[in-house]
Every structure is written in structure tokens, then in C-alpha cells.
Amino acid sequence: MVVLVPFLLITAVFSRMTIIELSLPTSTGSNASQKQQLTIEVIVRQKGIEIGNGKQVLARFPLLKEDTLDTVVDDEGVRDTSKRYDLKLLSKFLINIKGKYPEKTDASVLMEANIEYRVLINVMDAVRSAFIRQEGAEGEADVLQQVVLFPDISIGDAP
């Protein structure tokens, strides 16, 4: 027992899990005195991705055509359908929103039923941050910079 307890305490430090902190959407109906703020909703549907502001759809990104994609199969032989969502276009649109509202840090990701978990993770990664290529001066290499977009993500069911 004298050897086992220190061994377990030492090895416990090396077993860490990566945790993504999420928040639940809050209701703003009780505080009518607060000014109207921008709400960003990224809605993932079977037919594509929609970006809304809580009242209307601002943009729609349909699924990419299958013939333009490489077929990706995971270890179990299941076809990866998460590549069909246009996350690059989603990132560009969210970068434009972040440019207009730099103080905004929260967004909601809403999912329809029967959408793969890996799609949720890929969309959350695209909402949280994006990579921007900055062209270098003449004779210098381009710089790829990661920009934080909306790190405070709430998830829920799509309407």
C-alpha cells in the first residue's frame, strides 16, 4: 500500500481531459430595460448551415456537392459527412460579423436532430476561432494567424 498510493498520485496528474466549457442560453424577457443586443445563432440543418439573429435568417450555406469532396471513411467504415458542410464560408461570414461587433463573444449553435456529433464539434471549432492568412511583404512568407471569434458558445436544439 505504501508504494501503491504514491504511484497512483503521481500518475493521476498525467491523465487529464480536455473540457470545452459551454453555457446554456439565457432568457432575456425578464430584463426589458437592457438594450437590444445582437444574437448570433448558427443553425445546423440536414440541408446546410444557417446564420440567424434570433428573428430572421441572415445567411444560408447549403451542403457542398459530393463530387467536389474526397470521400473520407473513419476507422469503423462509416462515411464522414461532416466534410459536406461549408465551414470555410461560415468562418468568413463570422469574421465579418466579428469585425462589426468586436466586443461580442457569445454565440449559439443550434442543431437539428440526427446530425452527427463530429459535425457539432467542427461547427463549434469554426465558431470559436478562425485562421486568417496575412500576406507577407515582398520576399517574406505569408503568416497564418488564429483569431478568436466567439468563444462563449451555447448549444441547443434547432427550431
N, C-alpha and C. Protein backbone atom coordinates (compact mmCIF):
# COMPACT_ATOMS: atom_id res chain seq x y z
N MET A 1 0.82 -1.20 0.00
CA MET A 1 0.00 0.00 0.00
C MET A 1 0.86 1.26 0.00
N VAL A 2 1.99 1.21 0.66
CA VAL A 2 2.87 2.38 0.74
C VAL A 2 3.39 2.73 -0.65
N VAL A 3 3.64 1.77 -1.48
CA VAL A 3 4.13 2.02 -2.83
C VAL A 3 2.98 2.36 -3.77
N LEU A 4 1.85 1.75 -3.60
CA LEU A 4 0.71 1.93 -4.49
C LEU A 4 0.12 3.34 -4.42
N VAL A 5 -0.04 3.90 -3.24
CA VAL A 5 -0.65 5.23 -3.09
C VAL A 5 0.19 6.31 -3.76
N PRO A 6 1.51 6.42 -3.53
CA PRO A 6 2.28 7.44 -4.26
C PRO A 6 2.28 7.23 -5.77
N PHE A 7 2.30 5.98 -6.20
CA PHE A 7 2.26 5.70 -7.64
C PHE A 7 0.96 6.21 -8.25
N LEU A 8 -0.16 5.99 -7.62
CA LEU A 8 -1.44 6.46 -8.13
C LEU A 8 -1.53 7.99 -8.10
N LEU A 9 -0.98 8.61 -7.09
CA LEU A 9 -1.00 10.07 -7.02
C LEU A 9 -0.13 10.69 -8.11
N ILE A 10 0.98 10.08 -8.42
CA ILE A 10 1.87 10.61 -9.46
C ILE A 10 1.25 10.45 -10.84
N THR A 11 0.68 9.31 -11.11
CA THR A 11 0.11 9.07 -12.44
C THR A 11 -1.20 9.81 -12.66
N ALA A 12 -1.89 10.21 -11.61
CA ALA A 12 -3.15 10.92 -11.77
C ALA A 12 -2.95 12.29 -12.41
N VAL A 13 -1.81 12.88 -12.26
CA VAL A 13 -1.52 14.19 -12.85
C VAL A 13 -1.46 14.09 -14.37
N PHE A 14 -1.02 12.98 -14.90
CA PHE A 14 -0.84 12.83 -16.34
C PHE A 14 -2.11 12.47 -17.08
N SER A 15 -3.15 12.09 -16.39
CA SER A 15 -4.40 11.74 -17.07
C SER A 15 -5.37 12.91 -16.97
N ARG A 16 -5.30 13.81 -17.95
CA ARG A 16 -6.17 14.98 -17.98
C ARG A 16 -7.07 14.90 -19.20
N MET A 17 -8.23 15.49 -19.07
CA MET A 17 -9.17 15.52 -20.19
C MET A 17 -9.33 16.95 -20.65
N THR A 18 -9.52 17.11 -21.94
CA THR A 18 -9.80 18.44 -22.48
C THR A 18 -11.29 18.70 -22.34
N ILE A 19 -11.62 19.82 -21.75
CA ILE A 19 -13.02 20.14 -21.49
C ILE A 19 -13.35 21.46 -22.17
N ILE A 20 -14.45 21.48 -22.89
CA ILE A 20 -14.94 22.70 -23.50
C ILE A 20 -16.08 23.21 -22.63
N GLU A 21 -15.92 24.41 -22.11
CA GLU A 21 -16.97 24.96 -21.26
C GLU A 21 -18.07 25.56 -22.12
N LEU A 22 -19.29 25.17 -21.85
CA LEU A 22 -20.46 25.65 -22.58
C LEU A 22 -21.40 26.33 -21.61
N SER A 23 -22.22 27.19 -22.13
CA SER A 23 -23.24 27.83 -21.30
C SER A 23 -24.60 27.61 -21.93
N LEU A 24 -25.61 27.60 -21.10
CA LEU A 24 -26.97 27.45 -21.59
C LEU A 24 -27.52 28.81 -21.99
N PRO A 25 -28.34 28.86 -23.05
CA PRO A 25 -28.93 30.15 -23.41
C PRO A 25 -29.78 30.70 -22.28
N THR A 26 -29.71 32.00 -22.06
CA THR A 26 -30.50 32.62 -21.01
C THR A 26 -31.68 33.34 -21.62
N SER A 27 -32.73 33.48 -20.85
CA SER A 27 -33.90 34.21 -21.35
C SER A 27 -33.72 35.68 -21.02
N THR A 28 -33.94 36.54 -22.02
CA THR A 28 -33.77 37.98 -21.83
C THR A 28 -35.11 38.67 -21.65
N GLY A 29 -36.18 37.92 -21.54
CA GLY A 29 -37.51 38.52 -21.43
C GLY A 29 -37.74 39.24 -20.11
N SER A 30 -37.07 38.83 -19.04
CA SER A 30 -37.31 39.44 -17.74
C SER A 30 -36.66 40.81 -17.61
N ASN A 31 -35.60 41.07 -18.34
CA ASN A 31 -34.92 42.37 -18.25
C ASN A 31 -35.23 43.20 -19.48
N ALA A 32 -36.36 43.87 -19.47
CA ALA A 32 -36.76 44.69 -20.61
C ALA A 32 -35.97 45.98 -20.66
N SER A 33 -35.33 46.35 -19.55
CA SER A 33 -34.57 47.60 -19.54
C SER A 33 -33.24 47.50 -20.26
N GLN A 34 -32.74 46.26 -20.47
CA GLN A 34 -31.48 46.11 -21.18
C GLN A 34 -31.68 46.45 -22.65
N LYS A 35 -30.66 47.08 -23.23
CA LYS A 35 -30.79 47.42 -24.64
C LYS A 35 -30.68 46.16 -25.49
N GLN A 36 -31.27 46.22 -26.65
CA GLN A 36 -31.29 45.09 -27.56
C GLN A 36 -29.87 44.81 -28.07
N GLN A 37 -29.38 43.60 -27.87
CA GLN A 37 -28.05 43.24 -28.33
C GLN A 37 -28.15 42.23 -29.46
N LEU A 38 -27.08 42.14 -30.21
CA LEU A 38 -27.02 41.21 -31.32
C LEU A 38 -26.97 39.78 -30.79
N THR A 39 -27.76 38.92 -31.38
CA THR A 39 -27.75 37.50 -31.06
C THR A 39 -27.26 36.76 -32.29
N ILE A 40 -26.29 35.90 -32.11
CA ILE A 40 -25.76 35.11 -33.23
C ILE A 40 -26.18 33.66 -33.01
N GLU A 41 -26.93 33.13 -33.97
CA GLU A 41 -27.36 31.74 -33.93
C GLU A 41 -26.85 31.04 -35.18
N VAL A 42 -26.05 30.02 -34.98
CA VAL A 42 -25.60 29.18 -36.08
C VAL A 42 -26.44 27.91 -36.01
N ILE A 43 -27.30 27.73 -37.02
CA ILE A 43 -28.25 26.62 -37.03
C ILE A 43 -27.76 25.58 -38.04
N VAL A 44 -27.50 24.38 -37.55
CA VAL A 44 -27.01 23.30 -38.41
C VAL A 44 -28.20 22.41 -38.75
N ARG A 45 -28.49 22.34 -40.04
CA ARG A 45 -29.62 21.55 -40.53
C ARG A 45 -29.12 20.44 -41.45
N GLN A 46 -30.01 19.53 -41.80
CA GLN A 46 -29.66 18.44 -42.71
C GLN A 46 -29.26 18.98 -44.09
N LYS A 47 -29.82 20.13 -44.48
CA LYS A 47 -29.57 20.69 -45.81
C LYS A 47 -28.46 21.71 -45.83
N GLY A 48 -27.91 22.10 -44.68
CA GLY A 48 -26.84 23.07 -44.65
C GLY A 48 -26.82 23.85 -43.35
N ILE A 49 -26.13 24.98 -43.37
CA ILE A 49 -25.96 25.82 -42.19
C ILE A 49 -26.66 27.15 -42.43
N GLU A 50 -27.34 27.64 -41.40
CA GLU A 50 -27.98 28.96 -41.44
C GLU A 50 -27.41 29.81 -40.31
N ILE A 51 -27.27 31.10 -40.56
CA ILE A 51 -26.88 32.04 -39.52
C ILE A 51 -28.04 33.00 -39.33
N GLY A 52 -28.48 33.12 -38.08
CA GLY A 52 -29.61 33.99 -37.78
C GLY A 52 -29.30 34.91 -36.63
N ASN A 53 -30.19 35.86 -36.41
CA ASN A 53 -30.03 36.80 -35.30
C ASN A 53 -31.12 36.62 -34.25
N GLY A 54 -31.82 35.51 -34.28
CA GLY A 54 -32.89 35.26 -33.33
C GLY A 54 -34.27 35.55 -33.90
N LYS A 55 -34.32 36.40 -34.92
CA LYS A 55 -35.59 36.78 -35.53
C LYS A 55 -35.67 36.38 -36.99
N GLN A 56 -34.55 36.46 -37.68
CA GLN A 56 -34.54 36.14 -39.11
C GLN A 56 -33.23 35.47 -39.48
N VAL A 57 -33.23 34.83 -40.64
CA VAL A 57 -32.04 34.17 -41.15
C VAL A 57 -31.22 35.19 -41.93
N LEU A 58 -29.96 35.35 -41.55
CA LEU A 58 -29.08 36.31 -42.22
C LEU A 58 -28.37 35.70 -43.42
N ALA A 59 -28.01 34.41 -43.32
CA ALA A 59 -27.28 33.76 -44.42
C ALA A 59 -27.55 32.26 -44.37
N ARG A 60 -27.50 31.65 -45.55
CA ARG A 60 -27.65 30.19 -45.69
C ARG A 60 -26.47 29.66 -46.49
N PHE A 61 -25.89 28.58 -46.01
CA PHE A 61 -24.80 27.91 -46.70
C PHE A 61 -25.21 26.47 -46.96
N PRO A 62 -25.59 26.13 -48.20
CA PRO A 62 -26.01 24.76 -48.48
C PRO A 62 -24.83 23.79 -48.40
N LEU A 63 -25.17 22.52 -48.37
CA LEU A 63 -24.14 21.48 -48.34
C LEU A 63 -23.31 21.53 -49.62
N LEU A 64 -22.05 21.17 -49.48
CA LEU A 64 -21.18 21.09 -50.66
C LEU A 64 -21.55 19.85 -51.46
N LYS A 65 -21.34 19.90 -52.74
CA LYS A 65 -21.65 18.77 -53.61
C LYS A 65 -20.66 17.63 -53.33
N GLU A 66 -21.18 16.40 -53.35
CA GLU A 66 -20.35 15.25 -53.02
C GLU A 66 -19.25 15.00 -54.04
N ASP A 67 -19.48 15.35 -55.29
CA ASP A 67 -18.45 15.08 -56.31
C ASP A 67 -17.24 16.00 -56.17
N THR A 68 -17.36 17.10 -55.42
CA THR A 68 -16.23 18.00 -55.22
C THR A 68 -15.41 17.63 -53.99
N LEU A 69 -15.88 16.67 -53.20
CA LEU A 69 -15.21 16.30 -51.96
C LEU A 69 -14.53 14.95 -52.09
N ASP A 70 -13.48 14.78 -51.31
CA ASP A 70 -12.86 13.47 -51.20
C ASP A 70 -13.68 12.64 -50.22
N THR A 71 -13.92 11.39 -50.54
CA THR A 71 -14.67 10.52 -49.64
C THR A 71 -13.77 10.12 -48.49
N VAL A 72 -14.22 10.40 -47.27
CA VAL A 72 -13.46 10.10 -46.08
C VAL A 72 -14.23 9.06 -45.28
N VAL A 73 -13.55 7.98 -44.93
CA VAL A 73 -14.16 6.90 -44.15
C VAL A 73 -13.37 6.77 -42.86
N ASP A 74 -14.06 6.70 -41.73
CA ASP A 74 -13.36 6.58 -40.44
C ASP A 74 -12.98 5.13 -40.16
N ASP A 75 -12.49 4.88 -38.95
CA ASP A 75 -11.97 3.55 -38.59
C ASP A 75 -13.03 2.46 -38.63
N GLU A 76 -14.27 2.81 -38.35
CA GLU A 76 -15.34 1.81 -38.34
C GLU A 76 -15.95 1.60 -39.72
N GLY A 77 -15.47 2.31 -40.73
CA GLY A 77 -16.01 2.17 -42.08
C GLY A 77 -17.19 3.07 -42.36
N VAL A 78 -17.48 4.00 -41.44
CA VAL A 78 -18.61 4.92 -41.61
C VAL A 78 -18.12 6.14 -42.38
N ARG A 79 -18.91 6.57 -43.34
CA ARG A 79 -18.55 7.71 -44.17
C ARG A 79 -18.70 9.01 -43.40
N ASP A 80 -17.69 9.88 -43.48
CA ASP A 80 -17.68 11.15 -42.75
C ASP A 80 -18.46 12.19 -43.55
N THR A 81 -19.65 12.54 -43.04
CA THR A 81 -20.49 13.53 -43.72
C THR A 81 -20.24 14.94 -43.23
N SER A 82 -19.37 15.10 -42.24
CA SER A 82 -19.11 16.44 -41.71
C SER A 82 -18.35 17.30 -42.71
N LYS A 83 -17.70 16.71 -43.68
CA LYS A 83 -16.96 17.47 -44.69
C LYS A 83 -17.89 18.15 -45.69
N ARG A 84 -19.17 17.79 -45.69
CA ARG A 84 -20.11 18.38 -46.63
C ARG A 84 -20.56 19.78 -46.22
N TYR A 85 -20.33 20.17 -44.98
CA TYR A 85 -20.71 21.50 -44.51
C TYR A 85 -19.60 22.49 -44.85
N ASP A 86 -19.98 23.65 -45.37
CA ASP A 86 -19.02 24.65 -45.82
C ASP A 86 -18.56 25.51 -44.64
N LEU A 87 -17.60 25.00 -43.89
CA LEU A 87 -17.14 25.69 -42.69
C LEU A 87 -16.23 26.86 -43.02
N LYS A 88 -15.58 26.83 -44.16
CA LYS A 88 -14.73 27.97 -44.56
C LYS A 88 -15.60 29.20 -44.83
N LEU A 89 -16.69 29.01 -45.52
CA LEU A 89 -17.60 30.12 -45.79
C LEU A 89 -18.26 30.61 -44.49
N LEU A 90 -18.58 29.69 -43.60
CA LEU A 90 -19.11 30.06 -42.28
C LEU A 90 -18.10 30.92 -41.53
N SER A 91 -16.83 30.53 -41.55
CA SER A 91 -15.80 31.30 -40.86
C SER A 91 -15.65 32.69 -41.44
N LYS A 92 -15.69 32.81 -42.76
CA LYS A 92 -15.58 34.12 -43.39
C LYS A 92 -16.73 35.04 -42.97
N PHE A 93 -17.93 34.49 -42.93
CA PHE A 93 -19.10 35.28 -42.54
C PHE A 93 -18.99 35.71 -41.08
N LEU A 94 -18.54 34.80 -40.21
CA LEU A 94 -18.39 35.13 -38.79
C LEU A 94 -17.27 36.13 -38.56
N ILE A 95 -16.22 36.09 -39.38
CA ILE A 95 -15.15 37.09 -39.29
C ILE A 95 -15.70 38.48 -39.62
N ASN A 96 -16.58 38.56 -40.61
CA ASN A 96 -17.21 39.84 -40.94
C ASN A 96 -18.07 40.36 -39.78
N ILE A 97 -18.82 39.47 -39.15
CA ILE A 97 -19.64 39.87 -38.00
C ILE A 97 -18.74 40.33 -36.86
N LYS A 98 -17.65 39.60 -36.61
CA LYS A 98 -16.74 39.98 -35.53
C LYS A 98 -16.09 41.33 -35.81
N GLY A 99 -15.83 41.65 -37.08
CA GLY A 99 -15.29 42.95 -37.43
C GLY A 99 -16.24 44.08 -37.11
N LYS A 100 -17.55 43.83 -37.24
CA LYS A 100 -18.55 44.86 -36.95
C LYS A 100 -18.86 44.95 -35.45
N TYR A 101 -18.76 43.83 -34.75
CA TYR A 101 -19.06 43.77 -33.32
C TYR A 101 -17.89 43.13 -32.57
N PRO A 102 -16.78 43.84 -32.40
CA PRO A 102 -15.60 43.22 -31.80
C PRO A 102 -15.77 42.85 -30.32
N GLU A 103 -16.69 43.48 -29.61
CA GLU A 103 -16.88 43.17 -28.20
C GLU A 103 -17.76 41.94 -27.97
N LYS A 104 -18.42 41.47 -29.00
CA LYS A 104 -19.32 40.30 -28.91
C LYS A 104 -18.49 39.03 -28.75
N THR A 105 -18.80 38.22 -27.75
CA THR A 105 -18.04 37.00 -27.51
C THR A 105 -18.91 35.74 -27.46
N ASP A 106 -20.25 35.90 -27.50
CA ASP A 106 -21.09 34.72 -27.36
C ASP A 106 -21.87 34.43 -28.63
N ALA A 107 -22.14 33.15 -28.83
CA ALA A 107 -22.93 32.69 -29.97
C ALA A 107 -23.62 31.39 -29.57
N SER A 108 -24.70 31.08 -30.26
CA SER A 108 -25.43 29.84 -30.02
C SER A 108 -25.31 28.94 -31.24
N VAL A 109 -25.06 27.66 -30.99
CA VAL A 109 -25.04 26.66 -32.05
C VAL A 109 -26.26 25.77 -31.82
N LEU A 110 -27.17 25.78 -32.77
CA LEU A 110 -28.41 25.01 -32.67
C LEU A 110 -28.39 23.89 -33.70
N MET A 111 -28.70 22.69 -33.27
CA MET A 111 -28.61 21.51 -34.14
C MET A 111 -29.98 20.87 -34.35
N GLU A 112 -30.22 20.43 -35.58
CA GLU A 112 -31.38 19.59 -35.85
C GLU A 112 -31.10 18.19 -35.33
N ALA A 113 -32.13 17.41 -35.23
CA ALA A 113 -31.98 16.03 -34.78
C ALA A 113 -31.26 15.21 -35.85
N ASN A 114 -30.61 14.15 -35.42
CA ASN A 114 -29.94 13.18 -36.30
C ASN A 114 -28.77 13.77 -37.08
N ILE A 115 -28.06 14.70 -36.51
CA ILE A 115 -26.83 15.22 -37.12
C ILE A 115 -25.67 14.68 -36.30
N GLU A 116 -24.63 14.26 -36.99
CA GLU A 116 -23.50 13.61 -36.34
C GLU A 116 -22.82 14.52 -35.32
N TYR A 117 -22.27 13.89 -34.30
CA TYR A 117 -21.57 14.61 -33.24
C TYR A 117 -20.34 15.34 -33.79
N ARG A 118 -19.63 14.73 -34.73
CA ARG A 118 -18.43 15.37 -35.27
C ARG A 118 -18.77 16.64 -36.04
N VAL A 119 -19.98 16.73 -36.58
CA VAL A 119 -20.42 17.98 -37.23
C VAL A 119 -20.54 19.08 -36.18
N LEU A 120 -21.13 18.75 -35.03
CA LEU A 120 -21.25 19.71 -33.93
C LEU A 120 -19.88 20.22 -33.51
N ILE A 121 -18.92 19.33 -33.34
CA ILE A 121 -17.58 19.72 -32.90
C ILE A 121 -16.91 20.60 -33.95
N ASN A 122 -17.02 20.24 -35.23
CA ASN A 122 -16.40 21.04 -36.29
C ASN A 122 -17.03 22.42 -36.39
N VAL A 123 -18.35 22.51 -36.23
CA VAL A 123 -19.02 23.81 -36.29
C VAL A 123 -18.63 24.65 -35.07
N MET A 124 -18.55 24.03 -33.90
CA MET A 124 -18.14 24.77 -32.71
C MET A 124 -16.72 25.30 -32.85
N ASP A 125 -15.83 24.51 -33.45
CA ASP A 125 -14.47 24.98 -33.69
C ASP A 125 -14.45 26.17 -34.64
N ALA A 126 -15.30 26.13 -35.67
CA ALA A 126 -15.37 27.23 -36.64
C ALA A 126 -15.95 28.49 -36.01
N VAL A 127 -16.89 28.33 -35.07
CA VAL A 127 -17.49 29.49 -34.41
C VAL A 127 -16.52 30.07 -33.38
N ARG A 128 -15.76 29.24 -32.73
CA ARG A 128 -14.85 29.69 -31.68
C ARG A 128 -13.67 30.48 -32.23
N SER A 129 -13.06 30.03 -33.32
CA SER A 129 -11.88 30.72 -33.86
C SER A 129 -11.74 30.41 -35.34
N ALA A 130 -10.92 31.22 -35.99
CA ALA A 130 -10.66 31.05 -37.42
C ALA A 130 -9.22 31.43 -37.70
N PHE A 131 -8.71 30.95 -38.82
CA PHE A 131 -7.36 31.29 -39.24
C PHE A 131 -7.43 32.30 -40.36
N ILE A 132 -6.63 33.35 -40.24
CA ILE A 132 -6.57 34.39 -41.25
C ILE A 132 -5.15 34.43 -41.81
N ARG A 133 -5.06 34.40 -43.12
CA ARG A 133 -3.76 34.46 -43.77
C ARG A 133 -3.42 35.92 -44.05
N GLN A 134 -2.31 36.35 -43.49
CA GLN A 134 -1.82 37.70 -43.74
C GLN A 134 -0.65 37.60 -44.69
N GLU A 135 -0.76 38.30 -45.81
CA GLU A 135 0.30 38.22 -46.81
C GLU A 135 1.52 38.98 -46.32
N GLY A 136 2.67 38.35 -46.50
CA GLY A 136 3.92 38.97 -46.11
C GLY A 136 4.38 39.96 -47.17
N ALA A 137 5.31 40.79 -46.80
CA ALA A 137 5.87 41.74 -47.75
C ALA A 137 6.63 40.99 -48.82
N GLU A 138 7.08 41.70 -49.81
CA GLU A 138 7.77 41.09 -50.93
C GLU A 138 9.01 40.35 -50.43
N GLY A 139 9.10 39.07 -50.75
CA GLY A 139 10.22 38.25 -50.32
C GLY A 139 10.02 37.59 -48.97
N GLU A 140 8.91 37.89 -48.28
CA GLU A 140 8.63 37.28 -46.99
C GLU A 140 7.48 36.29 -47.12
N ALA A 141 7.43 35.35 -46.21
CA ALA A 141 6.39 34.33 -46.24
C ALA A 141 5.08 34.89 -45.66
N ASP A 142 3.99 34.28 -46.08
CA ASP A 142 2.68 34.63 -45.52
C ASP A 142 2.61 34.12 -44.08
N VAL A 143 1.80 34.81 -43.27
CA VAL A 143 1.64 34.44 -41.87
C VAL A 143 0.20 33.97 -41.67
N LEU A 144 0.05 32.80 -41.06
CA LEU A 144 -1.27 32.27 -40.74
C LEU A 144 -1.53 32.55 -39.26
N GLN A 145 -2.56 33.37 -38.97
CA GLN A 145 -2.83 33.79 -37.61
C GLN A 145 -4.20 33.29 -37.18
N GLN A 146 -4.26 32.75 -35.97
CA GLN A 146 -5.53 32.30 -35.43
C GLN A 146 -6.20 33.46 -34.70
N VAL A 147 -7.48 33.71 -35.04
CA VAL A 147 -8.24 34.81 -34.47
C VAL A 147 -9.40 34.23 -33.67
N VAL A 148 -9.57 34.71 -32.45
CA VAL A 148 -10.69 34.27 -31.61
C VAL A 148 -11.94 35.01 -32.07
N LEU A 149 -13.00 34.25 -32.36
CA LEU A 149 -14.25 34.86 -32.81
C LEU A 149 -15.26 34.94 -31.66
N PHE A 150 -15.92 33.83 -31.38
CA PHE A 150 -16.97 33.79 -30.36
C PHE A 150 -16.71 32.60 -29.44
N PRO A 151 -15.87 32.78 -28.41
CA PRO A 151 -15.50 31.64 -27.56
C PRO A 151 -16.59 31.17 -26.60
N ASP A 152 -17.56 32.02 -26.28
CA ASP A 152 -18.62 31.64 -25.35
C ASP A 152 -19.78 31.03 -26.14
N ILE A 153 -19.80 29.73 -26.23
CA ILE A 153 -20.76 29.03 -27.09
C ILE A 153 -21.84 28.37 -26.24
N SER A 154 -23.08 28.55 -26.67
CA SER A 154 -24.22 27.86 -26.10
C SER A 154 -24.75 26.88 -27.15
N ILE A 155 -25.16 25.71 -26.73
CA ILE A 155 -25.70 24.75 -27.69
C ILE A 155 -27.15 24.45 -27.35
N GLY A 156 -27.90 24.03 -28.37
CA GLY A 156 -29.29 23.72 -28.17
C GLY A 156 -29.90 23.06 -29.39
N ASP A 157 -31.20 22.82 -29.34
CA ASP A 157 -31.93 22.23 -30.45
C ASP A 157 -32.39 23.32 -31.41
N ALA A 158 -32.34 23.02 -32.69
CA ALA A 158 -32.77 23.97 -33.72
C ALA A 158 -34.29 24.09 -33.71
N PRO A 159 -34.80 25.30 -33.97
CA PRO A 159 -36.25 25.47 -34.02
C PRO A 159 -36.83 24.84 -35.28
